[in-house]
Amino acid sequence: MSAATNDSRKRGKKRYGGGHHNKRWKGSRELEVGMQGILITCNMNERKCTAEAFNLLNEYADKLYGPEKLQDNNGSSSDEEEADEEDVDVALKKEVAQLQTSGAKQERRFQALDSGANNVIFIKTQNLESDKLVHHILSDLHSTKKKKSRVILRMLPVTGTCKAFQDDMVKYLTTFLEPWFKTPNCATYQIAFKARNSSHNKRDEIIKSIAGLVGKLNPKNKVDLTNPELTVIVEVIKAVCCISVVKDYTLYRKYNVQEVVKEDVPKPDVTAAKTESNTAEEKEKHDAEETNKEEKKGEEDDDKNVPQDNSEVDKGEVDGE
């Protein structure tokens, strides 16, 4: 085979994403047990959702933690461009060497990974608390009512992950939930459970087992489905269970960034409406009673007059005789 043919095949692999290079990155960019981050749901258009997520997260992370300090990778981007003219194996060896020398320095503050479900992206976080960051974002959006995204729906922090089997989940949660629910700590709570691409977990059984676990940590922990102090979020995607405990879940519209910026619609004054209704009913009842009294009085007057007429008639007849 000629050298020209070999060069053509090498360029073909680079151009169309062939070889093992693409497969290796696909395997390393998926949600796995042990990760922390943020689950972000969207309505189609995952690419735009990812871009919006990076913009939103970096904006608020810069305020909380300062700008991200990027490591110098010795011009890795220019190396990738030069690799177009090199053999695929040489490019792979160079990239592996860079990763080995820099190690954790390659980790960015936010990294988009495949979540394993449609319309859901997972942003892996590094060196920050995702629950505090998301709460800070929603708190600001709720107070300012300023819309900052178009396709992002919900932002759910993930501060713990485990295998998505009931026994593994209960074992993991036994320790994970202690900071919030173990004596002397206690709170009202609810459990928000959702499973995607997973059929081996039954919702009612999972919720019941978690509730039983929370009750054992402290009997004073009480379920409140209206306005709980804490919400235990359990999101199962394939074989990974994503967990977090959050505040203000109801206030911030289930952590929905589209809903939280809407103006709060004042609830109708049930007490006032009830009072007005009662007043109207009492007036109607009073009028009905007055009417009944008048009718009854009229009937009594008629009853009195009838015997009197009869007696007069009888008396006249007697006298006539």
C-alpha atoms as a PDB file:
ATOM      1  CA  MET A   1       0.000   0.000   0.000  1.00  0.00           C
ATOM      2  CA  SER A   2       1.405   3.380  -0.960  1.00  0.00           C
ATOM      3  CA  ALA A   3       2.357   6.140   1.477  1.00  0.00           C
ATOM      4  CA  ALA A   4      -0.240   8.417  -0.120  1.00  0.00           C
ATOM      5  CA  THR A   5      -2.994   5.930   0.726  1.00  0.00           C
ATOM      6  CA  ASN A   6      -1.854   5.724   4.378  1.00  0.00           C
ATOM      7  CA  ASP A   7      -1.856   9.514   4.699  1.00  0.00           C
ATOM      8  CA  SER A   8      -5.349   9.650   3.235  1.00  0.00           C
ATOM      9  CA  ARG A   9      -6.653   7.117   5.770  1.00  0.00           C
ATOM     10  CA  LYS A  10      -5.080   9.004   8.671  1.00  0.00           C
ATOM     11  CA  ARG A  11      -6.631  12.286   7.567  1.00  0.00           C
ATOM     12  CA  GLY A  12      -9.982  10.534   7.149  1.00  0.00           C
ATOM     13  CA  LYS A  13      -9.942   9.342  10.746  1.00  0.00           C
ATOM     14  CA  LYS A  14      -9.201  12.827  12.031  1.00  0.00           C
ATOM     15  CA  ARG A  15     -11.782  14.486   9.823  1.00  0.00           C
ATOM     16  CA  TYR A  16     -14.701  12.185  10.592  1.00  0.00           C
ATOM     17  CA  GLY A  17     -13.922  11.464  14.223  1.00  0.00           C
ATOM     18  CA  GLY A  18     -12.837   7.895  13.649  1.00  0.00           C
ATOM     19  CA  GLY A  19     -10.495   5.741  15.706  1.00  0.00           C
ATOM     20  CA  HIS A  20     -10.488   5.268  19.490  1.00  0.00           C
ATOM     21  CA  HIS A  21     -10.051   8.947  20.367  1.00  0.00           C
ATOM     22  CA  ASN A  22     -13.793   9.699  20.246  1.00  0.00           C
ATOM     23  CA  LYS A  23     -14.813   6.581  22.171  1.00  0.00           C
ATOM     24  CA  ARG A  24     -12.370   7.269  24.991  1.00  0.00           C
ATOM     25  CA  TRP A  25     -13.819  10.738  25.666  1.00  0.00           C
ATOM     26  CA  LYS A  26     -17.403   9.476  25.478  1.00  0.00           C
ATOM     27  CA  GLY A  27     -16.767   7.029  28.287  1.00  0.00           C
ATOM     28  CA  SER A  28     -15.190   9.653  30.533  1.00  0.00           C
ATOM     29  CA  ARG A  29     -17.927  12.257  30.108  1.00  0.00           C
ATOM     30  CA  GLU A  30     -20.859  10.504  31.766  1.00  0.00           C
ATOM     31  CA  LEU A  31     -22.513  10.873  35.161  1.00  0.00           C
ATOM     32  CA  GLU A  32     -21.010   8.334  37.564  1.00  0.00           C
ATOM     33  CA  VAL A  33     -21.272   7.352  41.229  1.00  0.00           C
ATOM     34  CA  GLY A  34     -19.063   9.538  43.404  1.00  0.00           C
ATOM     35  CA  MET A  35     -19.608  12.777  41.496  1.00  0.00           C
ATOM     36  CA  GLN A  36     -21.122  16.026  42.747  1.00  0.00           C
ATOM     37  CA  GLY A  37     -22.703  18.749  40.673  1.00  0.00           C
ATOM     38  CA  ILE A  38     -25.987  20.091  39.363  1.00  0.00           C
ATOM     39  CA  LEU A  39     -28.744  18.408  37.363  1.00  0.00           C
ATOM     40  CA  ILE A  40     -30.308  20.847  34.918  1.00  0.00           C
ATOM     41  CA  THR A  41     -33.510  20.077  33.041  1.00  0.00           C
ATOM     42  CA  CYS A  42     -34.583  21.741  29.816  1.00  0.00           C
ATOM     43  CA  ASN A  43     -37.211  21.568  27.114  1.00  0.00           C
ATOM     44  CA  MET A  44     -35.283  20.161  24.164  1.00  0.00           C
ATOM     45  CA  ASN A  45     -32.207  22.100  22.941  1.00  0.00           C
ATOM     46  CA  GLU A  46     -29.634  20.637  25.346  1.00  0.00           C
ATOM     47  CA  ARG A  47     -26.775  22.455  23.611  1.00  0.00           C
ATOM     48  CA  LYS A  48     -28.246  25.887  24.338  1.00  0.00           C
ATOM     49  CA  CYS A  49     -29.155  24.755  27.853  1.00  0.00           C
ATOM     50  CA  THR A  50     -25.515  23.869  28.487  1.00  0.00           C
ATOM     51  CA  ALA A  51     -24.333  27.274  27.263  1.00  0.00           C
ATOM     52  CA  GLU A  52     -26.889  29.069  29.450  1.00  0.00           C
ATOM     53  CA  ALA A  53     -25.915  26.940  32.435  1.00  0.00           C
ATOM     54  CA  PHE A  54     -22.237  27.818  32.117  1.00  0.00           C
ATOM     55  CA  ASN A  55     -23.037  31.533  31.847  1.00  0.00           C
ATOM     56  CA  LEU A  56     -25.397  31.511  34.820  1.00  0.00           C
ATOM     57  CA  LEU A  57     -23.201  29.365  37.060  1.00  0.00           C
ATOM     58  CA  ASN A  58     -20.014  31.273  36.305  1.00  0.00           C
ATOM     59  CA  GLU A  59     -21.728  34.623  36.916  1.00  0.00           C
ATOM     60  CA  TYR A  60     -22.767  33.683  40.449  1.00  0.00           C
ATOM     61  CA  ALA A  61     -19.729  31.511  41.221  1.00  0.00           C
ATOM     62  CA  ASP A  62     -17.491  34.501  40.487  1.00  0.00           C
ATOM     63  CA  LYS A  63     -19.455  36.508  43.062  1.00  0.00           C
ATOM     64  CA  LEU A  64     -19.291  33.781  45.734  1.00  0.00           C
ATOM     65  CA  TYR A  65     -15.855  32.275  45.133  1.00  0.00           C
ATOM     66  CA  GLY A  66     -14.047  34.735  42.887  1.00  0.00           C
ATOM     67  CA  PRO A  67     -12.978  34.233  39.258  1.00  0.00           C
ATOM     68  CA  GLU A  68     -11.767  30.785  38.281  1.00  0.00           C
ATOM     69  CA  LYS A  69      -7.986  30.423  38.171  1.00  0.00           C
ATOM     70  CA  LEU A  70      -7.080  28.517  35.031  1.00  0.00           C
ATOM     71  CA  GLN A  71      -3.910  26.455  34.872  1.00  0.00           C
ATOM     72  CA  ASP A  72      -1.394  26.948  32.081  1.00  0.00           C
ATOM     73  CA  ASN A  73      -1.511  23.837  29.921  1.00  0.00           C
ATOM     74  CA  ASN A  74       1.518  24.787  27.795  1.00  0.00           C
ATOM     75  CA  GLY A  75      -0.613  25.752  24.796  1.00  0.00           C
ATOM     76  CA  SER A  76      -2.662  22.566  24.561  1.00  0.00           C
ATOM     77  CA  SER A  77      -5.137  24.193  22.184  1.00  0.00           C
ATOM     78  CA  SER A  78      -2.390  25.017  19.682  1.00  0.00           C
ATOM     79  CA  ASP A  79      -1.020  21.496  20.056  1.00  0.00           C
ATOM     80  CA  GLU A  80      -4.404  20.083  19.038  1.00  0.00           C
ATOM     81  CA  GLU A  81      -4.358  22.198  15.879  1.00  0.00           C
ATOM     82  CA  GLU A  82      -0.849  21.020  15.020  1.00  0.00           C
ATOM     83  CA  ALA A  83      -1.906  17.417  15.603  1.00  0.00           C
ATOM     84  CA  ASP A  84      -4.024  17.592  12.456  1.00  0.00           C
ATOM     85  CA  GLU A  85      -0.827  17.041  10.532  1.00  0.00           C
ATOM     86  CA  GLU A  86       0.402  14.262  12.837  1.00  0.00           C
ATOM     87  CA  ASP A  87      -0.383  10.626  13.265  1.00  0.00           C
ATOM     88  CA  VAL A  88      -3.381   9.825  15.527  1.00  0.00           C
ATOM     89  CA  ASP A  89      -1.258   7.699  17.876  1.00  0.00           C
ATOM     90  CA  VAL A  90       1.223  10.537  18.371  1.00  0.00           C
ATOM     91  CA  ALA A  91      -1.564  12.962  19.235  1.00  0.00           C
ATOM     92  CA  LEU A  92      -3.029  10.516  21.771  1.00  0.00           C
ATOM     93  CA  LYS A  93       0.313   9.951  23.449  1.00  0.00           C
ATOM     94  CA  LYS A  94       0.873  13.683  23.762  1.00  0.00           C
ATOM     95  CA  GLU A  95      -2.555  14.221  25.337  1.00  0.00           C
ATOM     96  CA  VAL A  96      -2.091  11.359  27.816  1.00  0.00           C
ATOM     97  CA  ALA A  97       1.285  12.782  28.830  1.00  0.00           C
ATOM     98  CA  GLN A  98      -0.249  16.195  29.493  1.00  0.00           C
ATOM     99  CA  LEU A  99      -2.971  14.679  31.663  1.00  0.00           C
ATOM    100  CA  GLN A 100      -0.457  12.667  33.655  1.00  0.00           C
ATOM    101  CA  THR A 101       1.782  15.663  34.344  1.00  0.00           C
ATOM    102  CA  SER A 102      -0.985  18.096  35.312  1.00  0.00           C
ATOM    103  CA  GLY A 103      -3.382  15.640  36.980  1.00  0.00           C
ATOM    104  CA  ALA A 104      -6.127  17.452  38.885  1.00  0.00           C
ATOM    105  CA  LYS A 105      -5.062  20.783  37.410  1.00  0.00           C
ATOM    106  CA  GLN A 106      -7.028  19.831  34.278  1.00  0.00           C
ATOM    107  CA  GLU A 107     -10.312  19.846  36.262  1.00  0.00           C
ATOM    108  CA  ARG A 108     -12.438  22.882  35.550  1.00  0.00           C
ATOM    109  CA  ARG A 109     -14.864  24.390  38.062  1.00  0.00           C
ATOM    110  CA  PHE A 110     -17.796  23.331  35.854  1.00  0.00           C
ATOM    111  CA  GLN A 111     -17.792  20.451  33.392  1.00  0.00           C
ATOM    112  CA  ALA A 112     -20.782  19.324  31.311  1.00  0.00           C
ATOM    113  CA  LEU A 113     -21.355  15.564  31.275  1.00  0.00           C
ATOM    114  CA  ASP A 114     -23.915  13.253  29.731  1.00  0.00           C
ATOM    115  CA  SER A 115     -26.602  12.613  32.359  1.00  0.00           C
ATOM    116  CA  GLY A 116     -28.017   9.494  30.740  1.00  0.00           C
ATOM    117  CA  ALA A 117     -31.477  11.007  30.150  1.00  0.00           C
ATOM    118  CA  ASN A 118     -33.004  13.212  27.482  1.00  0.00           C
ATOM    119  CA  ASN A 119     -33.531  16.895  28.293  1.00  0.00           C
ATOM    120  CA  VAL A 120     -31.286  16.600  31.356  1.00  0.00           C
ATOM    121  CA  ILE A 121     -27.670  17.697  31.554  1.00  0.00           C
ATOM    122  CA  PHE A 122     -25.280  17.167  34.438  1.00  0.00           C
ATOM    123  CA  ILE A 123     -22.772  19.854  35.350  1.00  0.00           C
ATOM    124  CA  LYS A 124     -19.971  18.342  37.408  1.00  0.00           C
ATOM    125  CA  THR A 125     -18.657  20.798  40.011  1.00  0.00           C
ATOM    126  CA  GLN A 126     -15.190  21.061  41.490  1.00  0.00           C
ATOM    127  CA  ASN A 127     -14.178  22.693  44.785  1.00  0.00           C
ATOM    128  CA  LEU A 128     -17.533  24.322  45.580  1.00  0.00           C
ATOM    129  CA  GLU A 129     -20.828  23.503  47.305  1.00  0.00           C
ATOM    130  CA  SER A 130     -23.453  23.078  44.621  1.00  0.00           C
ATOM    131  CA  ASP A 131     -26.419  23.325  47.004  1.00  0.00           C
ATOM    132  CA  LYS A 132     -25.321  26.737  48.314  1.00  0.00           C
ATOM    133  CA  LEU A 133     -24.568  28.008  44.814  1.00  0.00           C
ATOM    134  CA  VAL A 134     -27.963  26.967  43.419  1.00  0.00           C
ATOM    135  CA  HIS A 135     -29.790  28.374  46.449  1.00  0.00           C
ATOM    136  CA  HIS A 136     -27.948  31.679  46.014  1.00  0.00           C
ATOM    137  CA  ILE A 137     -28.943  31.834  42.333  1.00  0.00           C
ATOM    138  CA  LEU A 138     -32.607  31.120  43.027  1.00  0.00           C
ATOM    139  CA  SER A 139     -32.672  33.553  45.945  1.00  0.00           C
ATOM    140  CA  ASP A 140     -31.406  36.349  43.700  1.00  0.00           C
ATOM    141  CA  LEU A 141     -33.788  35.487  40.862  1.00  0.00           C
ATOM    142  CA  HIS A 142     -36.703  35.365  43.307  1.00  0.00           C
ATOM    143  CA  SER A 143     -35.934  38.788  44.765  1.00  0.00           C
ATOM    144  CA  THR A 144     -35.015  40.605  41.535  1.00  0.00           C
ATOM    145  CA  LYS A 145     -37.540  38.830  39.272  1.00  0.00           C
ATOM    146  CA  LYS A 146     -34.963  39.205  36.496  1.00  0.00           C
ATOM    147  CA  LYS A 147     -35.096  36.437  33.892  1.00  0.00           C
ATOM    148  CA  LYS A 148     -31.625  35.193  32.962  1.00  0.00           C
ATOM    149  CA  SER A 149     -32.316  32.057  30.923  1.00  0.00           C
ATOM    150  CA  ARG A 150     -34.651  30.868  28.206  1.00  0.00           C
ATOM    151  CA  VAL A 151     -34.337  27.093  27.986  1.00  0.00           C
ATOM    152  CA  ILE A 152     -33.226  26.076  31.503  1.00  0.00           C
ATOM    153  CA  LEU A 153     -36.123  24.788  33.574  1.00  0.00           C
ATOM    154  CA  ARG A 154     -34.941  23.377  36.908  1.00  0.00           C
ATOM    155  CA  MET A 155     -31.569  23.422  38.654  1.00  0.00           C
ATOM    156  CA  LEU A 156     -31.190  20.611  41.186  1.00  0.00           C
ATOM    157  CA  PRO A 157     -27.992  20.393  43.244  1.00  0.00           C
ATOM    158  CA  VAL A 158     -26.369  16.982  43.639  1.00  0.00           C
ATOM    159  CA  THR A 159     -24.268  16.764  46.790  1.00  0.00           C
ATOM    160  CA  GLY A 160     -24.149  12.967  46.924  1.00  0.00           C
ATOM    161  CA  THR A 161     -24.410  10.002  44.563  1.00  0.00           C
ATOM    162  CA  CYS A 162     -24.721   6.253  45.028  1.00  0.00           C
ATOM    163  CA  LYS A 163     -25.860   3.156  43.154  1.00  0.00           C
ATOM    164  CA  ALA A 164     -29.556   3.282  42.279  1.00  0.00           C
ATOM    165  CA  PHE A 165     -30.659   0.184  44.166  1.00  0.00           C
ATOM    166  CA  GLN A 166     -32.848   0.413  47.249  1.00  0.00           C
ATOM    167  CA  ASP A 167     -30.397  -1.290  49.620  1.00  0.00           C
ATOM    168  CA  ASP A 168     -27.514   0.879  48.411  1.00  0.00           C
ATOM    169  CA  MET A 169     -29.618   4.023  48.686  1.00  0.00           C
ATOM    170  CA  VAL A 170     -30.744   3.304  52.253  1.00  0.00           C
ATOM    171  CA  LYS A 171     -27.203   2.438  53.315  1.00  0.00           C
ATOM    172  CA  TYR A 172     -25.812   5.631  51.775  1.00  0.00           C
ATOM    173  CA  LEU A 173     -28.590   7.870  53.122  1.00  0.00           C
ATOM    174  CA  THR A 174     -28.169   6.559  56.670  1.00  0.00           C
ATOM    175  CA  THR A 175     -24.986   8.606  56.963  1.00  0.00           C
ATOM    176  CA  PHE A 176     -25.731  11.271  54.352  1.00  0.00           C
ATOM    177  CA  LEU A 177     -28.879  12.591  56.100  1.00  0.00           C
ATOM    178  CA  GLU A 178     -27.382  12.851  59.588  1.00  0.00           C
ATOM    179  CA  PRO A 179     -26.330  16.548  59.424  1.00  0.00           C
ATOM    180  CA  TRP A 180     -29.959  17.594  58.910  1.00  0.00           C
ATOM    181  CA  PHE A 181     -32.071  15.012  60.704  1.00  0.00           C
ATOM    182  CA  LYS A 182     -30.067  13.213  63.399  1.00  0.00           C
ATOM    183  CA  THR A 183     -30.736  14.159  67.041  1.00  0.00           C
ATOM    184  CA  PRO A 184     -30.501  16.922  68.210  1.00  0.00           C
ATOM    185  CA  ASN A 185     -31.249  18.211  64.705  1.00  0.00           C
ATOM    186  CA  CYS A 186     -34.808  17.921  63.452  1.00  0.00           C
ATOM    187  CA  ALA A 187     -37.025  19.495  60.798  1.00  0.00           C
ATOM    188  CA  THR A 188     -40.225  19.206  58.834  1.00  0.00           C
ATOM    189  CA  TYR A 189     -39.513  17.641  55.457  1.00  0.00           C
ATOM    190  CA  GLN A 190     -40.782  16.143  52.233  1.00  0.00           C
ATOM    191  CA  ILE A 191     -39.228  13.726  49.735  1.00  0.00           C
ATOM    192  CA  ALA A 192     -39.125  14.615  46.026  1.00  0.00           C
ATOM    193  CA  PHE A 193     -38.404  11.416  44.075  1.00  0.00           C
ATOM    194  CA  LYS A 194     -38.114  10.939  40.326  1.00  0.00           C
ATOM    195  CA  ALA A 195     -36.671   8.107  38.249  1.00  0.00           C
ATOM    196  CA  ARG A 196     -35.540   8.355  34.633  1.00  0.00           C
ATOM    197  CA  ASN A 197     -34.573   5.381  32.465  1.00  0.00           C
ATOM    198  CA  SER A 198     -34.851   3.160  35.530  1.00  0.00           C
ATOM    199  CA  SER A 199     -37.641   0.670  36.113  1.00  0.00           C
ATOM    200  CA  HIS A 200     -36.348  -1.362  39.063  1.00  0.00           C
ATOM    201  CA  ASN A 201     -37.200   1.262  41.711  1.00  0.00           C
ATOM    202  CA  LYS A 202     -40.776   1.676  42.878  1.00  0.00           C
ATOM    203  CA  ARG A 203     -41.523   5.252  43.939  1.00  0.00           C
ATOM    204  CA  ASP A 204     -43.730   4.463  46.940  1.00  0.00           C
ATOM    205  CA  GLU A 205     -41.302   1.894  48.346  1.00  0.00           C
ATOM    206  CA  ILE A 206     -38.318   4.252  48.053  1.00  0.00           C
ATOM    207  CA  ILE A 207     -40.167   7.161  49.693  1.00  0.00           C
ATOM    208  CA  LYS A 208     -41.435   4.910  52.493  1.00  0.00           C
ATOM    209  CA  SER A 209     -37.965   3.532  53.233  1.00  0.00           C
ATOM    210  CA  ILE A 210     -36.390   7.024  53.283  1.00  0.00           C
ATOM    211  CA  ALA A 211     -39.151   8.370  55.524  1.00  0.00           C
ATOM    212  CA  GLY A 212     -38.614   5.472  57.906  1.00  0.00           C
ATOM    213  CA  LEU A 213     -34.894   6.220  57.970  1.00  0.00           C
ATOM    214  CA  VAL A 214     -35.494   9.908  58.757  1.00  0.00           C
ATOM    215  CA  GLY A 215     -37.879   8.916  61.544  1.00  0.00           C
ATOM    216  CA  LYS A 216     -35.223   6.689  63.121  1.00  0.00           C
ATOM    217  CA  LEU A 217     -32.657   9.499  63.079  1.00  0.00           C
ATOM    218  CA  ASN A 218     -35.008  11.622  65.186  1.00  0.00           C
ATOM    219  CA  PRO A 219     -38.712  10.889  65.940  1.00  0.00           C
ATOM    220  CA  LYS A 220     -39.325  14.654  66.008  1.00  0.00           C
ATOM    221  CA  ASN A 221     -38.776  14.856  62.238  1.00  0.00           C
ATOM    222  CA  LYS A 222     -42.220  15.313  60.700  1.00  0.00           C
ATOM    223  CA  VAL A 223     -43.500  15.117  57.146  1.00  0.00           C
ATOM    224  CA  ASP A 224     -44.944  18.359  55.764  1.00  0.00           C
ATOM    225  CA  LEU A 225     -46.085  18.349  52.139  1.00  0.00           C
ATOM    226  CA  THR A 226     -47.303  21.974  52.184  1.00  0.00           C
ATOM    227  CA  ASN A 227     -44.402  24.086  53.397  1.00  0.00           C
ATOM    228  CA  PRO A 228     -41.532  21.910  54.675  1.00  0.00           C
ATOM    229  CA  GLU A 229     -38.312  23.316  56.062  1.00  0.00           C
ATOM    230  CA  LEU A 230     -36.235  20.812  54.065  1.00  0.00           C
ATOM    231  CA  THR A 231     -36.743  18.757  50.923  1.00  0.00           C
ATOM    232  CA  VAL A 232     -34.855  15.539  50.241  1.00  0.00           C
ATOM    233  CA  ILE A 233     -34.319  15.411  46.469  1.00  0.00           C
ATOM    234  CA  VAL A 234     -33.775  11.922  45.053  1.00  0.00           C
ATOM    235  CA  GLU A 235     -33.189  11.772  41.279  1.00  0.00           C
ATOM    236  CA  VAL A 236     -32.463   8.369  39.761  1.00  0.00           C
ATOM    237  CA  ILE A 237     -30.988   8.217  36.259  1.00  0.00           C
ATOM    238  CA  LYS A 238     -30.227   4.718  35.002  1.00  0.00           C
ATOM    239  CA  ALA A 239     -27.947   3.162  37.648  1.00  0.00           C
ATOM    240  CA  VAL A 240     -26.991   6.390  39.472  1.00  0.00           C
ATOM    241  CA  CYS A 241     -28.944   7.955  42.337  1.00  0.00           C
ATOM    242  CA  CYS A 242     -28.403  11.709  42.792  1.00  0.00           C
ATOM    243  CA  ILE A 243     -29.229  13.131  46.229  1.00  0.00           C
ATOM    244  CA  SER A 244     -29.375  16.487  47.993  1.00  0.00           C
ATOM    245  CA  VAL A 245     -31.166  18.209  50.875  1.00  0.00           C
ATOM    246  CA  VAL A 246     -32.357  21.730  50.061  1.00  0.00           C
ATOM    247  CA  LYS A 247     -34.188  24.646  51.668  1.00  0.00           C
ATOM    248  CA  ASP A 248     -37.027  26.768  50.278  1.00  0.00           C
ATOM    249  CA  TYR A 249     -38.048  24.157  47.710  1.00  0.00           C
ATOM    250  CA  THR A 250     -41.664  25.331  47.742  1.00  0.00           C
ATOM    251  CA  LEU A 251     -40.824  29.041  47.916  1.00  0.00           C
ATOM    252  CA  TYR A 252     -38.534  28.771  44.888  1.00  0.00           C
ATOM    253  CA  ARG A 253     -41.101  26.846  42.842  1.00  0.00           C
ATOM    254  CA  LYS A 254     -39.374  23.458  42.995  1.00  0.00           C
ATOM    255  CA  TYR A 255     -36.122  25.149  41.970  1.00  0.00           C
ATOM    256  CA  ASN A 256     -37.575  26.169  38.616  1.00  0.00           C
ATOM    257  CA  VAL A 257     -35.739  29.233  37.290  1.00  0.00           C
ATOM    258  CA  GLN A 258     -38.584  30.106  34.912  1.00  0.00           C
ATOM    259  CA  GLU A 259     -41.278  30.070  37.584  1.00  0.00           C
ATOM    260  CA  VAL A 260     -39.296  31.733  40.360  1.00  0.00           C
ATOM    261  CA  VAL A 261     -38.992  35.028  38.422  1.00  0.00           C
ATOM    262  CA  LYS A 262     -42.746  35.344  37.937  1.00  0.00           C
ATOM    263  CA  GLU A 263     -44.613  37.795  40.129  1.00  0.00           C
ATOM    264  CA  ASP A 264     -46.300  36.177  43.097  1.00  0.00           C
ATOM    265  CA  VAL A 265     -50.046  36.121  42.545  1.00  0.00           C
ATOM    266  CA  PRO A 266     -51.803  37.159  45.789  1.00  0.00           C
ATOM    267  CA  LYS A 267     -53.999  34.406  47.098  1.00  0.00           C
ATOM    268  CA  PRO A 268     -57.672  35.291  47.596  1.00  0.00           C
ATOM    269  CA  ASP A 269     -58.554  36.227  51.157  1.00  0.00           C
ATOM    270  CA  VAL A 270     -60.363  33.075  52.144  1.00  0.00           C
ATOM    271  CA  THR A 271     -61.278  34.474  55.582  1.00  0.00           C
ATOM    272  CA  ALA A 272     -62.844  37.647  54.177  1.00  0.00           C
ATOM    273  CA  ALA A 273     -64.677  35.719  51.482  1.00  0.00           C
ATOM    274  CA  LYS A 274     -65.914  33.264  54.070  1.00  0.00           C
ATOM    275  CA  THR A 275     -67.087  36.107  56.345  1.00  0.00           C
ATOM    276  CA  GLU A 276     -68.975  37.777  53.504  1.00  0.00           C
ATOM    277  CA  SER A 277     -70.505  34.457  52.542  1.00  0.00           C
ATOM    278  CA  ASN A 278     -71.532  33.779  56.133  1.00  0.00           C
ATOM    279  CA  THR A 279     -73.054  37.274  56.433  1.00  0.00           C
ATOM    280  CA  ALA A 280     -75.104  36.759  53.297  1.00  0.00           C
ATOM    281  CA  GLU A 281     -76.230  33.350  54.484  1.00  0.00           C
ATOM    282  CA  GLU A 282     -77.178  34.714  57.900  1.00  0.00           C
ATOM    283  CA  LYS A 283     -79.176  37.572  56.324  1.00  0.00           C
ATOM    284  CA  GLU A 284     -80.930  35.144  54.009  1.00  0.00           C
ATOM    285  CA  LYS A 285     -81.652  32.837  56.918  1.00  0.00           C
ATOM    286  CA  HIS A 286     -82.969  35.758  58.997  1.00  0.00           C
ATOM    287  CA  ASP A 287     -85.296  36.912  56.188  1.00  0.00           C
ATOM    288  CA  ALA A 288     -86.548  33.374  55.739  1.00  0.00           C
ATOM    289  CA  GLU A 289     -87.290  33.086  59.465  1.00  0.00           C
ATOM    290  CA  GLU A 290     -89.173  36.410  59.454  1.00  0.00           C
ATOM    291  CA  THR A 291     -91.223  35.254  56.473  1.00  0.00           C
ATOM    292  CA  ASN A 292     -91.992  31.960  58.199  1.00  0.00           C
ATOM    293  CA  LYS A 293     -93.094  33.800  61.335  1.00  0.00           C
ATOM    294  CA  GLU A 294     -95.451  36.041  59.367  1.00  0.00           C
ATOM    295  CA  GLU A 295     -96.926  33.104  57.489  1.00  0.00           C
ATOM    296  CA  LYS A 296     -97.338  31.144  60.711  1.00  0.00           C
ATOM    297  CA  LYS A 297     -98.988  34.105  62.405  1.00  0.00           C
ATOM    298  CA  GLY A 298    -101.400  34.461  59.505  1.00  0.00           C
ATOM    299  CA  GLU A 299    -102.299  30.791  59.705  1.00  0.00           C
ATOM    300  CA  GLU A 300    -102.942  31.082  63.471  1.00  0.00           C
ATOM    301  CA  ASP A 301    -105.220  34.094  62.928  1.00  0.00           C
ATOM    302  CA  ASP A 302    -107.188  32.139  60.355  1.00  0.00           C
ATOM    303  CA  ASP A 303    -107.498  29.210  62.726  1.00  0.00           C
ATOM    304  CA  LYS A 304    -108.873  31.499  65.454  1.00  0.00           C
ATOM    305  CA  ASN A 305    -111.465  33.066  63.180  1.00  0.00           C
ATOM    306  CA  VAL A 306    -112.857  29.811  61.837  1.00  0.00           C
ATOM    307  CA  PRO A 307    -114.135  28.377  65.144  1.00  0.00           C
ATOM    308  CA  GLN A 308    -115.612  31.740  66.113  1.00  0.00           C
ATOM    309  CA  ASP A 309    -117.661  31.908  62.914  1.00  0.00           C
ATOM    310  CA  ASN A 310    -118.825  28.368  63.429  1.00  0.00           C
ATOM    311  CA  SER A 311    -119.931  29.056  66.944  1.00  0.00           C
ATOM    312  CA  GLU A 312    -121.866  32.137  65.799  1.00  0.00           C
ATOM    313  CA  VAL A 313    -123.510  30.149  63.084  1.00  0.00           C
ATOM    314  CA  ASP A 314    -124.390  27.372  65.471  1.00  0.00           C
ATOM    315  CA  LYS A 315    -125.760  29.848  67.964  1.00  0.00           C
ATOM    316  CA  GLY A 316    -127.937  31.488  65.324  1.00  0.00           C
ATOM    317  CA  GLU A 317    -129.298  28.163  64.255  1.00  0.00           C
ATOM    318  CA  VAL A 318    -130.125  27.260  67.854  1.00  0.00           C
ATOM    319  CA  ASP A 319    -131.879  30.558  68.453  1.00  0.00           C
ATOM    320  CA  GLY A 320    -133.845  30.098  65.284  1.00  0.00           C
ATOM    321  CA  GLU A 321    -135.121  26.808  66.451  1.00  0.00           C
END
